Amino acid sequence: MSTATDPGLEKRPGPGAAPPRPAARSRRVPLLRVLPLAPAVVLLLLFLAGPIAYCAYIAFTDLQLTGQAEDSFVGFENFTTAFGDDAFLNAVWLTLVFTVISALVGQNTLGLALAALMQRASKPVRTLVGGIVITAWVLPEVVAGFLLYAFFRREGTLNAVLDWLHLPTQNWLFTLPILAVSFANVWRGTAFSMLVYSAALNEIPKEITEAAEVDGAGGWRRLWHITLPMIRRSIGTNLMLITLQTLSVFGLIWVMTRGGPGGRSQTLPLFMYEEAFQKSMIGYGTAVALLLLVVGSLFSVVYLRLLRTEV
C-alpha cells in the first residue's frame, strides 16, 4: 500500500500557520501602474486645482485691483454682501431664466426634434439642415453675437421681415433683452443637442419601434413610451452639459446687450465681470464666481443622480 501523499496537500499551511508573504515583485506592480499617471496628476494639481483653491481663498478677502496696499481676510462678508445686493439677486434670477429658456427648453427640445425629424428625412435634407445647424455652432461666440445683434436690432432683419408682413415691430434688444439673448443661445447651441440625440436615436433597435407600430401605437405614444425611456441617459447627459455651458455664457450676451438695458439681461457671468474688473473688487467678484460654481455643481449632482436610476 503506497504511503505517498498528494504534493498539493503537503504545500498547504496548517490551521494556525501564517499566510504566505507576497513576492516583492507583486508589491511593485501597483506602483508601476500608477507611475505613468503622475505627470497628468501633477499638471491637474498645478493648473486646475491650484487656481481653484487660490480663487476660493480670494473669495474670502477684500482684494482689489487698484487703490489698495494689501488685502485682508474678511470671512463670509463678500457672500453676505452678495445676498443683500439687489443687483446680484436680479442676476441670479436672470441666469435661471436664461438657462431654463435657452438650455432646458430651447436647445434640448429643438435638438431632439431636429434629430427625430432628420431620422426620416432624405439624405440631401439631412445634409442641408445639419450643415446649417452645425455652422451656427462652430461660429466664434463673438461672431454669433454680432450676427444676432444685427438680427434683433431696431433696423435689423427681424423687424424688416415683420414690416414686410405688416406686423408690428419693436426694439427687441430693449423691450425683451433676456428673451433675445436666450434665442441667440438656442440658435448657436442647438447643434450639440442634435448630435447627441442623433447618436442616441440610431442606437434604438428598429425591431422595437416597428413592433410598437404594428401594435397600433401612434407617433406620440412611441415617443413617450419607447423613444424617451430608451434614450433617458443621453437626455440626462445632454442636459448636464448644456446647462453647465449655458451658465458660463458671457461673450454672446456681452456683444448683444452688455447686460442692459438697466441690467435686464445681466446674468451672473456679466455681473461677476463688472464687479471684478470694472469696479476693481476682485474679492467680491470671485465670491460671485464661487457661488456660480456651486450652482453648476448642484445642477450636476441632480443630473448625475438621475443618471444612476435604471430604466
C-alpha atoms as a PDB file:
ATOM      1  CA  MET A   1       0.000   0.000   0.000  1.00  0.00           C
ATOM      2  CA  SER A   2       1.549   3.280  -1.062  1.00  0.00           C
ATOM      3  CA  THR A   3       2.018   5.954   1.594  1.00  0.00           C
ATOM      4  CA  ALA A   4       2.749   8.806  -0.851  1.00  0.00           C
ATOM      5  CA  THR A   5       0.683  11.894  -0.232  1.00  0.00           C
ATOM      6  CA  ASP A   6      -0.669  14.462  -2.660  1.00  0.00           C
ATOM      7  CA  PRO A   7       2.043  17.067  -3.366  1.00  0.00           C
ATOM      8  CA  GLY A   8      -0.593  19.822  -3.260  1.00  0.00           C
ATOM      9  CA  LEU A   9      -1.631  18.791   0.237  1.00  0.00           C
ATOM     10  CA  GLU A  10       1.951  18.967   1.523  1.00  0.00           C
ATOM     11  CA  LYS A  11       2.183  22.641   0.478  1.00  0.00           C
ATOM     12  CA  ARG A  12      -0.999  23.731   2.234  1.00  0.00           C
ATOM     13  CA  PRO A  13      -0.368  25.541   5.530  1.00  0.00           C
ATOM     14  CA  GLY A  14      -1.914  24.249   8.724  1.00  0.00           C
ATOM     15  CA  PRO A  15      -4.793  25.947  10.508  1.00  0.00           C
ATOM     16  CA  GLY A  16      -2.507  28.031  12.687  1.00  0.00           C
ATOM     17  CA  ALA A  17       0.108  28.819  10.070  1.00  0.00           C
ATOM     18  CA  ALA A  18       0.601  32.379   8.805  1.00  0.00           C
ATOM     19  CA  PRO A  19      -0.374  33.090   5.177  1.00  0.00           C
ATOM     20  CA  PRO A  20       2.478  33.183   2.689  1.00  0.00           C
ATOM     21  CA  ARG A  21       4.114  36.562   2.155  1.00  0.00           C
ATOM     22  CA  PRO A  22       3.533  38.116  -1.311  1.00  0.00           C
ATOM     23  CA  ALA A  23       6.509  38.410  -3.560  1.00  0.00           C
ATOM     24  CA  ALA A  24       8.326  41.721  -3.797  1.00  0.00           C
ATOM     25  CA  ARG A  25       7.514  41.938  -7.479  1.00  0.00           C
ATOM     26  CA  SER A  26       3.750  41.822  -6.809  1.00  0.00           C
ATOM     27  CA  ARG A  27       4.126  44.819  -4.451  1.00  0.00           C
ATOM     28  CA  ARG A  28       5.783  46.852  -7.199  1.00  0.00           C
ATOM     29  CA  VAL A  29       3.037  46.230  -9.771  1.00  0.00           C
ATOM     30  CA  PRO A  30       0.519  48.831  -8.437  1.00  0.00           C
ATOM     31  CA  LEU A  31       3.277  51.463  -8.275  1.00  0.00           C
ATOM     32  CA  LEU A  32       4.310  50.780 -11.849  1.00  0.00           C
ATOM     33  CA  ARG A  33       0.694  51.139 -12.992  1.00  0.00           C
ATOM     34  CA  VAL A  34       0.225  54.484 -11.226  1.00  0.00           C
ATOM     35  CA  LEU A  35       3.587  55.953 -12.234  1.00  0.00           C
ATOM     36  CA  PRO A  36       2.586  56.874 -15.844  1.00  0.00           C
ATOM     37  CA  LEU A  37      -0.331  58.919 -14.451  1.00  0.00           C
ATOM     38  CA  ALA A  38       1.914  61.024 -12.245  1.00  0.00           C
ATOM     39  CA  PRO A  39       2.661  63.774 -14.841  1.00  0.00           C
ATOM     40  CA  ALA A  40      -1.058  64.213 -15.603  1.00  0.00           C
ATOM     41  CA  VAL A  41      -1.906  64.378 -11.892  1.00  0.00           C
ATOM     42  CA  VAL A  42       0.805  66.982 -11.309  1.00  0.00           C
ATOM     43  CA  LEU A  43      -0.454  69.109 -14.211  1.00  0.00           C
ATOM     44  CA  LEU A  44      -4.051  68.905 -12.951  1.00  0.00           C
ATOM     45  CA  LEU A  45      -2.992  69.926  -9.458  1.00  0.00           C
ATOM     46  CA  LEU A  46      -0.843  72.761 -10.793  1.00  0.00           C
ATOM     47  CA  PHE A  47      -3.129  74.281 -13.428  1.00  0.00           C
ATOM     48  CA  LEU A  48      -6.624  73.234 -12.274  1.00  0.00           C
ATOM     49  CA  ALA A  49      -6.815  72.505  -8.565  1.00  0.00           C
ATOM     50  CA  GLY A  50      -4.251  75.201  -7.714  1.00  0.00           C
ATOM     51  CA  PRO A  51      -6.082  78.138  -9.367  1.00  0.00           C
ATOM     52  CA  ILE A  52      -9.433  76.931  -7.997  1.00  0.00           C
ATOM     53  CA  ALA A  53      -8.018  76.805  -4.467  1.00  0.00           C
ATOM     54  CA  TYR A  54      -6.470  80.277  -4.868  1.00  0.00           C
ATOM     55  CA  CYS A  55      -9.760  81.698  -6.174  1.00  0.00           C
ATOM     56  CA  ALA A  56     -11.570  80.129  -3.233  1.00  0.00           C
ATOM     57  CA  TYR A  57      -9.151  81.938  -0.909  1.00  0.00           C
ATOM     58  CA  ILE A  58      -9.569  85.278  -2.721  1.00  0.00           C
ATOM     59  CA  ALA A  59     -13.364  84.991  -2.308  1.00  0.00           C
ATOM     60  CA  PHE A  60     -12.855  85.402   1.445  1.00  0.00           C
ATOM     61  CA  THR A  61     -10.681  88.523   1.134  1.00  0.00           C
ATOM     62  CA  ASP A  62     -11.237  92.189   0.190  1.00  0.00           C
ATOM     63  CA  LEU A  63      -8.693  92.105  -2.645  1.00  0.00           C
ATOM     64  CA  GLN A  64      -8.985  94.975  -5.133  1.00  0.00           C
ATOM     65  CA  LEU A  65      -7.244  95.748  -8.401  1.00  0.00           C
ATOM     66  CA  THR A  66      -6.424  99.370  -7.538  1.00  0.00           C
ATOM     67  CA  GLY A  67      -6.319 101.691  -4.526  1.00  0.00           C
ATOM     68  CA  GLN A  68      -5.271  99.047  -2.003  1.00  0.00           C
ATOM     69  CA  ALA A  69      -1.891  98.449  -0.399  1.00  0.00           C
ATOM     70  CA  GLU A  70      -2.675  94.927   0.848  1.00  0.00           C
ATOM     71  CA  ASP A  71      -5.689  92.676   1.148  1.00  0.00           C
ATOM     72  CA  SER A  72      -7.135  91.230   4.336  1.00  0.00           C
ATOM     73  CA  PHE A  73      -9.251  88.225   5.241  1.00  0.00           C
ATOM     74  CA  VAL A  74     -12.919  89.199   5.651  1.00  0.00           C
ATOM     75  CA  GLY A  75     -14.564  85.792   6.065  1.00  0.00           C
ATOM     76  CA  PHE A  76     -18.095  85.493   4.676  1.00  0.00           C
ATOM     77  CA  GLU A  77     -18.559  89.248   4.265  1.00  0.00           C
ATOM     78  CA  ASN A  78     -18.486  89.061   0.440  1.00  0.00           C
ATOM     79  CA  PHE A  79     -21.181  86.389   0.440  1.00  0.00           C
ATOM     80  CA  THR A  80     -23.460  88.244   2.860  1.00  0.00           C
ATOM     81  CA  THR A  81     -22.992  91.380   0.760  1.00  0.00           C
ATOM     82  CA  ALA A  82     -23.966  89.462  -2.370  1.00  0.00           C
ATOM     83  CA  PHE A  83     -27.198  88.074  -0.919  1.00  0.00           C
ATOM     84  CA  GLY A  84     -28.122  91.558   0.252  1.00  0.00           C
ATOM     85  CA  ASP A  85     -27.401  93.124  -3.151  1.00  0.00           C
ATOM     86  CA  ASP A  86     -30.477  93.597  -5.353  1.00  0.00           C
ATOM     87  CA  ALA A  87     -28.282  93.587  -8.464  1.00  0.00           C
ATOM     88  CA  PHE A  88     -26.892  90.162  -7.526  1.00  0.00           C
ATOM     89  CA  LEU A  89     -30.348  88.724  -6.854  1.00  0.00           C
ATOM     90  CA  ASN A  90     -31.519  90.127 -10.192  1.00  0.00           C
ATOM     91  CA  ALA A  91     -28.532  88.451 -11.902  1.00  0.00           C
ATOM     92  CA  VAL A  92     -29.377  85.130 -10.219  1.00  0.00           C
ATOM     93  CA  TRP A  93     -32.975  85.313 -11.425  1.00  0.00           C
ATOM     94  CA  LEU A  94     -31.966  86.248 -14.982  1.00  0.00           C
ATOM     95  CA  THR A  95     -29.391  83.431 -15.026  1.00  0.00           C
ATOM     96  CA  LEU A  96     -32.075  80.912 -14.115  1.00  0.00           C
ATOM     97  CA  VAL A  97     -34.451  82.332 -16.740  1.00  0.00           C
ATOM     98  CA  PHE A  98     -31.710  82.317 -19.366  1.00  0.00           C
ATOM     99  CA  THR A  99     -30.708  78.731 -18.516  1.00  0.00           C
ATOM    100  CA  VAL A 100     -34.253  77.351 -18.489  1.00  0.00           C
ATOM    101  CA  ILE A 101     -35.329  79.063 -21.724  1.00  0.00           C
ATOM    102  CA  SER A 102     -32.187  78.598 -23.789  1.00  0.00           C
ATOM    103  CA  ALA A 103     -30.879  75.251 -22.474  1.00  0.00           C
ATOM    104  CA  LEU A 104     -33.517  73.123 -20.759  1.00  0.00           C
ATOM    105  CA  VAL A 105     -36.347  74.112 -23.109  1.00  0.00           C
ATOM    106  CA  GLY A 106     -34.780  75.583 -26.239  1.00  0.00           C
ATOM    107  CA  GLN A 107     -31.627  73.633 -27.081  1.00  0.00           C
ATOM    108  CA  ASN A 108     -32.806  70.370 -25.558  1.00  0.00           C
ATOM    109  CA  THR A 109     -36.263  70.303 -27.156  1.00  0.00           C
ATOM    110  CA  LEU A 110     -35.224  71.697 -30.525  1.00  0.00           C
ATOM    111  CA  GLY A 111     -32.201  69.397 -30.695  1.00  0.00           C
ATOM    112  CA  LEU A 112     -34.389  66.346 -30.029  1.00  0.00           C
ATOM    113  CA  ALA A 113     -36.979  67.490 -32.592  1.00  0.00           C
ATOM    114  CA  LEU A 114     -34.343  68.049 -35.272  1.00  0.00           C
ATOM    115  CA  ALA A 115     -32.701  64.702 -34.564  1.00  0.00           C
ATOM    116  CA  ALA A 116     -36.056  62.891 -34.777  1.00  0.00           C
ATOM    117  CA  LEU A 117     -37.044  64.663 -37.990  1.00  0.00           C
ATOM    118  CA  MET A 118     -33.699  64.008 -39.633  1.00  0.00           C
ATOM    119  CA  GLN A 119     -34.125  60.285 -38.952  1.00  0.00           C
ATOM    120  CA  ARG A 120     -36.970  60.272 -41.505  1.00  0.00           C
ATOM    121  CA  ALA A 121     -35.641  62.925 -43.900  1.00  0.00           C
ATOM    122  CA  SER A 122     -33.857  62.226 -47.136  1.00  0.00           C
ATOM    123  CA  LYS A 123     -30.080  62.419 -47.351  1.00  0.00           C
ATOM    124  CA  PRO A 124     -29.977  65.834 -49.140  1.00  0.00           C
ATOM    125  CA  VAL A 125     -32.286  67.337 -46.491  1.00  0.00           C
ATOM    126  CA  ARG A 126     -30.192  65.862 -43.665  1.00  0.00           C
ATOM    127  CA  THR A 127     -27.029  67.251 -45.219  1.00  0.00           C
ATOM    128  CA  LEU A 128     -28.507  70.726 -45.696  1.00  0.00           C
ATOM    129  CA  VAL A 129     -30.122  71.021 -42.257  1.00  0.00           C
ATOM    130  CA  GLY A 130     -27.140  69.506 -40.476  1.00  0.00           C
ATOM    131  CA  GLY A 131     -24.751  71.857 -42.261  1.00  0.00           C
ATOM    132  CA  ILE A 132     -26.788  74.950 -41.328  1.00  0.00           C
ATOM    133  CA  VAL A 133     -27.184  73.959 -37.687  1.00  0.00           C
ATOM    134  CA  ILE A 134     -23.559  72.929 -37.203  1.00  0.00           C
ATOM    135  CA  THR A 135     -22.319  76.108 -38.904  1.00  0.00           C
ATOM    136  CA  ALA A 136     -24.111  78.152 -36.236  1.00  0.00           C
ATOM    137  CA  TRP A 137     -22.429  76.008 -33.588  1.00  0.00           C
ATOM    138  CA  VAL A 138     -18.857  76.328 -34.859  1.00  0.00           C
ATOM    139  CA  LEU A 139     -19.045  80.109 -35.309  1.00  0.00           C
ATOM    140  CA  PRO A 140     -16.991  82.007 -32.720  1.00  0.00           C
ATOM    141  CA  GLU A 141     -19.135  83.379 -29.914  1.00  0.00           C
ATOM    142  CA  VAL A 142     -18.326  86.986 -30.774  1.00  0.00           C
ATOM    143  CA  VAL A 143     -19.245  86.487 -34.444  1.00  0.00           C
ATOM    144  CA  ALA A 144     -22.511  84.808 -33.478  1.00  0.00           C
ATOM    145  CA  GLY A 145     -23.233  87.699 -31.114  1.00  0.00           C
ATOM    146  CA  PHE A 146     -22.786  90.297 -33.846  1.00  0.00           C
ATOM    147  CA  LEU A 147     -24.987  88.282 -36.233  1.00  0.00           C
ATOM    148  CA  LEU A 148     -27.806  88.037 -33.698  1.00  0.00           C
ATOM    149  CA  TYR A 149     -27.374  91.699 -32.756  1.00  0.00           C
ATOM    150  CA  ALA A 150     -27.917  92.600 -36.397  1.00  0.00           C
ATOM    151  CA  PHE A 151     -30.943  90.300 -36.448  1.00  0.00           C
ATOM    152  CA  PHE A 152     -32.679  91.762 -33.369  1.00  0.00           C
ATOM    153  CA  ARG A 153     -31.727  95.462 -33.532  1.00  0.00           C
ATOM    154  CA  ARG A 154     -34.355  98.081 -34.431  1.00  0.00           C
ATOM    155  CA  GLU A 155     -33.222  98.257 -38.073  1.00  0.00           C
ATOM    156  CA  GLY A 156     -32.395  94.539 -38.156  1.00  0.00           C
ATOM    157  CA  THR A 157     -33.565  91.556 -40.164  1.00  0.00           C
ATOM    158  CA  LEU A 158     -36.386  90.507 -37.817  1.00  0.00           C
ATOM    159  CA  ASN A 159     -38.101  93.892 -37.939  1.00  0.00           C
ATOM    160  CA  ALA A 160     -37.645  94.027 -41.717  1.00  0.00           C
ATOM    161  CA  VAL A 161     -39.455  90.694 -42.065  1.00  0.00           C
ATOM    162  CA  LEU A 162     -42.209  91.769 -39.668  1.00  0.00           C
ATOM    163  CA  ASP A 163     -42.651  95.047 -41.527  1.00  0.00           C
ATOM    164  CA  TRP A 164     -42.899  93.157 -44.837  1.00  0.00           C
ATOM    165  CA  LEU A 165     -45.640  91.005 -43.263  1.00  0.00           C
ATOM    166  CA  HIS A 166     -47.381  94.197 -41.989  1.00  0.00           C
ATOM    167  CA  LEU A 167     -46.856  93.125 -38.377  1.00  0.00           C
ATOM    168  CA  PRO A 168     -45.850  95.464 -35.516  1.00  0.00           C
ATOM    169  CA  THR A 169     -42.132  95.918 -34.916  1.00  0.00           C
ATOM    170  CA  GLN A 170     -40.172  96.863 -31.817  1.00  0.00           C
ATOM    171  CA  ASN A 171     -36.650  97.219 -30.484  1.00  0.00           C
ATOM    172  CA  TRP A 172     -36.225  93.647 -29.245  1.00  0.00           C
ATOM    173  CA  LEU A 173     -32.900  94.310 -27.512  1.00  0.00           C
ATOM    174  CA  PHE A 174     -34.603  96.994 -25.413  1.00  0.00           C
ATOM    175  CA  THR A 175     -38.064  95.571 -24.777  1.00  0.00           C
ATOM    176  CA  LEU A 176     -37.221  91.846 -24.393  1.00  0.00           C
ATOM    177  CA  PRO A 177     -33.434  91.620 -23.960  1.00  0.00           C
ATOM    178  CA  ILE A 178     -33.308  88.378 -21.937  1.00  0.00           C
ATOM    179  CA  LEU A 179     -35.541  86.617 -24.488  1.00  0.00           C
ATOM    180  CA  ALA A 180     -33.403  87.921 -27.350  1.00  0.00           C
ATOM    181  CA  VAL A 181     -30.153  86.604 -25.867  1.00  0.00           C
ATOM    182  CA  SER A 182     -31.887  83.326 -24.936  1.00  0.00           C
ATOM    183  CA  PHE A 183     -32.990  82.839 -28.535  1.00  0.00           C
ATOM    184  CA  ALA A 184     -29.467  83.668 -29.692  1.00  0.00           C
ATOM    185  CA  ASN A 185     -28.032  80.977 -27.418  1.00  0.00           C
ATOM    186  CA  VAL A 186     -30.612  78.460 -28.710  1.00  0.00           C
ATOM    187  CA  TRP A 187     -29.657  79.293 -32.295  1.00  0.00           C
ATOM    188  CA  ARG A 188     -25.985  78.825 -31.563  1.00  0.00           C
ATOM    189  CA  GLY A 189     -26.042  75.768 -29.283  1.00  0.00           C
ATOM    190  CA  THR A 190     -28.790  73.510 -30.667  1.00  0.00           C
ATOM    191  CA  ALA A 191     -26.323  71.596 -32.871  1.00  0.00           C
ATOM    192  CA  PHE A 192     -24.715  69.908 -29.863  1.00  0.00           C
ATOM    193  CA  SER A 193     -28.045  68.537 -28.611  1.00  0.00           C
ATOM    194  CA  MET A 194     -28.974  67.463 -32.142  1.00  0.00           C
ATOM    195  CA  LEU A 195     -25.756  65.452 -32.493  1.00  0.00           C
ATOM    196  CA  VAL A 196     -26.194  63.805 -29.081  1.00  0.00           C
ATOM    197  CA  TYR A 197     -29.772  62.789 -29.787  1.00  0.00           C
ATOM    198  CA  SER A 198     -28.992  61.657 -33.339  1.00  0.00           C
ATOM    199  CA  ALA A 199     -26.434  59.214 -31.959  1.00  0.00           C
ATOM    200  CA  ALA A 200     -28.866  58.053 -29.256  1.00  0.00           C
ATOM    201  CA  LEU A 201     -31.745  57.519 -31.700  1.00  0.00           C
ATOM    202  CA  ASN A 202     -29.523  55.477 -34.013  1.00  0.00           C
ATOM    203  CA  GLU A 203     -28.900  53.047 -31.140  1.00  0.00           C
ATOM    204  CA  ILE A 204     -32.606  52.216 -30.672  1.00  0.00           C
ATOM    205  CA  PRO A 205     -33.339  48.817 -32.278  1.00  0.00           C
ATOM    206  CA  LYS A 206     -35.712  49.228 -35.193  1.00  0.00           C
ATOM    207  CA  GLU A 207     -37.484  45.997 -34.247  1.00  0.00           C
ATOM    208  CA  ILE A 208     -38.873  47.629 -31.098  1.00  0.00           C
ATOM    209  CA  THR A 209     -40.346  50.663 -32.854  1.00  0.00           C
ATOM    210  CA  GLU A 210     -41.678  48.527 -35.710  1.00  0.00           C
ATOM    211  CA  ALA A 211     -43.371  46.161 -33.249  1.00  0.00           C
ATOM    212  CA  ALA A 212     -44.990  49.097 -31.452  1.00  0.00           C
ATOM    213  CA  GLU A 213     -46.167  50.496 -34.766  1.00  0.00           C
ATOM    214  CA  VAL A 214     -47.694  47.133 -35.711  1.00  0.00           C
ATOM    215  CA  ASP A 215     -49.488  47.058 -32.343  1.00  0.00           C
ATOM    216  CA  GLY A 216     -51.155  50.362 -33.249  1.00  0.00           C
ATOM    217  CA  ALA A 217     -49.039  52.799 -31.210  1.00  0.00           C
ATOM    218  CA  GLY A 218     -49.075  56.256 -32.739  1.00  0.00           C
ATOM    219  CA  GLY A 219     -46.110  58.586 -33.098  1.00  0.00           C
ATOM    220  CA  TRP A 220     -46.618  60.370 -29.789  1.00  0.00           C
ATOM    221  CA  ARG A 221     -47.144  57.111 -27.864  1.00  0.00           C
ATOM    222  CA  ARG A 222     -43.994  55.616 -29.382  1.00  0.00           C
ATOM    223  CA  LEU A 223     -42.092  58.776 -28.461  1.00  0.00           C
ATOM    224  CA  TRP A 224     -43.348  58.820 -24.866  1.00  0.00           C
ATOM    225  CA  HIS A 225     -43.281  55.098 -24.040  1.00  0.00           C
ATOM    226  CA  ILE A 226     -40.368  53.838 -26.169  1.00  0.00           C
ATOM    227  CA  THR A 227     -38.060  56.539 -27.505  1.00  0.00           C
ATOM    228  CA  LEU A 228     -37.715  58.790 -24.443  1.00  0.00           C
ATOM    229  CA  PRO A 229     -37.210  55.936 -21.910  1.00  0.00           C
ATOM    230  CA  MET A 230     -34.583  54.300 -24.119  1.00  0.00           C
ATOM    231  CA  ILE A 231     -32.566  57.496 -24.561  1.00  0.00           C
ATOM    232  CA  ARG A 232     -33.060  58.671 -20.972  1.00  0.00           C
ATOM    233  CA  ARG A 233     -29.368  58.501 -20.140  1.00  0.00           C
ATOM    234  CA  SER A 234     -28.494  60.540 -23.232  1.00  0.00           C
ATOM    235  CA  ILE A 235     -31.091  63.126 -22.195  1.00  0.00           C
ATOM    236  CA  GLY A 236     -29.553  63.419 -18.731  1.00  0.00           C
ATOM    237  CA  THR A 237     -26.022  63.725 -20.100  1.00  0.00           C
ATOM    238  CA  ASN A 238     -27.073  66.316 -22.663  1.00  0.00           C
ATOM    239  CA  LEU A 239     -28.974  68.367 -20.073  1.00  0.00           C
ATOM    240  CA  MET A 240     -25.983  68.397 -17.737  1.00  0.00           C
ATOM    241  CA  LEU A 241     -23.532  69.501 -20.434  1.00  0.00           C
ATOM    242  CA  ILE A 242     -25.696  72.237 -21.991  1.00  0.00           C
ATOM    243  CA  THR A 243     -26.700  73.540 -18.552  1.00  0.00           C
ATOM    244  CA  LEU A 244     -23.077  73.963 -17.473  1.00  0.00           C
ATOM    245  CA  GLN A 245     -22.246  75.584 -20.819  1.00  0.00           C
ATOM    246  CA  THR A 246     -25.194  77.981 -20.591  1.00  0.00           C
ATOM    247  CA  LEU A 247     -24.379  79.038 -17.034  1.00  0.00           C
ATOM    248  CA  SER A 248     -20.985  80.300 -18.253  1.00  0.00           C
ATOM    249  CA  VAL A 249     -22.137  82.157 -21.400  1.00  0.00           C
ATOM    250  CA  PHE A 250     -20.512  85.584 -21.419  1.00  0.00           C
ATOM    251  CA  GLY A 251     -19.352  86.757 -24.856  1.00  0.00           C
ATOM    252  CA  LEU A 252     -22.697  86.271 -26.607  1.00  0.00           C
ATOM    253  CA  ILE A 253     -24.625  88.419 -24.121  1.00  0.00           C
ATOM    254  CA  TRP A 254     -21.829  90.967 -23.815  1.00  0.00           C
ATOM    255  CA  VAL A 255     -21.743  91.580 -27.561  1.00  0.00           C
ATOM    256  CA  MET A 256     -25.529  91.816 -27.908  1.00  0.00           C
ATOM    257  CA  THR A 257     -26.600  93.834 -24.844  1.00  0.00           C
ATOM    258  CA  ARG A 258     -23.671  94.147 -22.368  1.00  0.00           C
ATOM    259  CA  GLY A 259     -26.179  93.152 -19.695  1.00  0.00           C
ATOM    260  CA  GLY A 260     -28.531  96.038 -20.406  1.00  0.00           C
ATOM    261  CA  PRO A 261     -30.639  97.922 -20.681  1.00  0.00           C
ATOM    262  CA  GLY A 262     -30.804  98.627 -16.960  1.00  0.00           C
ATOM    263  CA  GLY A 263     -29.395  95.191 -16.050  1.00  0.00           C
ATOM    264  CA  ARG A 264     -32.347  93.365 -17.630  1.00  0.00           C
ATOM    265  CA  SER A 265     -30.049  90.857 -19.359  1.00  0.00           C
ATOM    266  CA  GLN A 266     -27.200  90.828 -16.839  1.00  0.00           C
ATOM    267  CA  THR A 267     -26.559  87.218 -15.906  1.00  0.00           C
ATOM    268  CA  LEU A 268     -24.099  86.107 -13.224  1.00  0.00           C
ATOM    269  CA  PRO A 269     -21.008  85.936 -15.515  1.00  0.00           C
ATOM    270  CA  LEU A 270     -21.599  89.553 -16.614  1.00  0.00           C
ATOM    271  CA  PHE A 271     -22.295  90.682 -13.042  1.00  0.00           C
ATOM    272  CA  MET A 272     -19.113  88.969 -11.890  1.00  0.00           C
ATOM    273  CA  TYR A 273     -17.078  90.630 -14.651  1.00  0.00           C
ATOM    274  CA  GLU A 274     -18.484  94.072 -13.824  1.00  0.00           C
ATOM    275  CA  GLU A 275     -17.763  93.770 -10.110  1.00  0.00           C
ATOM    276  CA  ALA A 276     -14.299  92.252 -10.509  1.00  0.00           C
ATOM    277  CA  PHE A 277     -12.821  94.186 -13.447  1.00  0.00           C
ATOM    278  CA  GLN A 278     -14.894  97.326 -13.964  1.00  0.00           C
ATOM    279  CA  LYS A 279     -15.340  98.136 -10.266  1.00  0.00           C
ATOM    280  CA  SER A 280     -11.963  96.510  -9.348  1.00  0.00           C
ATOM    281  CA  MET A 281     -13.460  94.435  -6.490  1.00  0.00           C
ATOM    282  CA  ILE A 282     -11.676  91.161  -7.209  1.00  0.00           C
ATOM    283  CA  GLY A 283     -12.614  89.576  -3.881  1.00  0.00           C
ATOM    284  CA  TYR A 284     -16.327  90.276  -4.298  1.00  0.00           C
ATOM    285  CA  GLY A 285     -16.330  89.218  -7.942  1.00  0.00           C
ATOM    286  CA  THR A 286     -14.545  85.977  -7.112  1.00  0.00           C
ATOM    287  CA  ALA A 287     -17.113  85.251  -4.399  1.00  0.00           C
ATOM    288  CA  VAL A 288     -19.838  85.589  -7.045  1.00  0.00           C
ATOM    289  CA  ALA A 289     -17.870  83.230  -9.305  1.00  0.00           C
ATOM    290  CA  LEU A 290     -17.645  80.727  -6.465  1.00  0.00           C
ATOM    291  CA  LEU A 291     -21.415  80.917  -5.986  1.00  0.00           C
ATOM    292  CA  LEU A 292     -21.854  80.300  -9.717  1.00  0.00           C
ATOM    293  CA  LEU A 293     -19.610  77.241  -9.379  1.00  0.00           C
ATOM    294  CA  VAL A 294     -21.824  75.993  -6.547  1.00  0.00           C
ATOM    295  CA  VAL A 295     -24.944  76.443  -8.704  1.00  0.00           C
ATOM    296  CA  GLY A 296     -23.347  74.457 -11.511  1.00  0.00           C
ATOM    297  CA  SER A 297     -22.330  71.739  -9.055  1.00  0.00           C
ATOM    298  CA  LEU A 298     -25.898  71.464  -7.752  1.00  0.00           C
ATOM    299  CA  PHE A 299     -27.221  71.016 -11.294  1.00  0.00           C
ATOM    300  CA  SER A 300     -24.552  68.369 -11.931  1.00  0.00           C
ATOM    301  CA  VAL A 301     -25.449  66.447  -8.766  1.00  0.00           C
ATOM    302  CA  VAL A 302     -29.136  66.393  -9.730  1.00  0.00           C
ATOM    303  CA  TYR A 303     -28.385  65.134 -13.239  1.00  0.00           C
ATOM    304  CA  LEU A 304     -25.910  62.510 -12.001  1.00  0.00           C
ATOM    305  CA  ARG A 305     -28.478  61.162  -9.529  1.00  0.00           C
ATOM    306  CA  LEU A 306     -30.995  60.911 -12.374  1.00  0.00           C
ATOM    307  CA  LEU A 307     -28.443  59.038 -14.481  1.00  0.00           C
ATOM    308  CA  ARG A 308     -27.914  56.464 -11.742  1.00  0.00           C
ATOM    309  CA  THR A 309     -31.562  55.423 -11.877  1.00  0.00           C
ATOM    310  CA  GLU A 310     -32.078  52.430 -14.156  1.00  0.00           C
ATOM    311  CA  VAL A 311     -34.733  52.429 -16.844  1.00  0.00           C
END
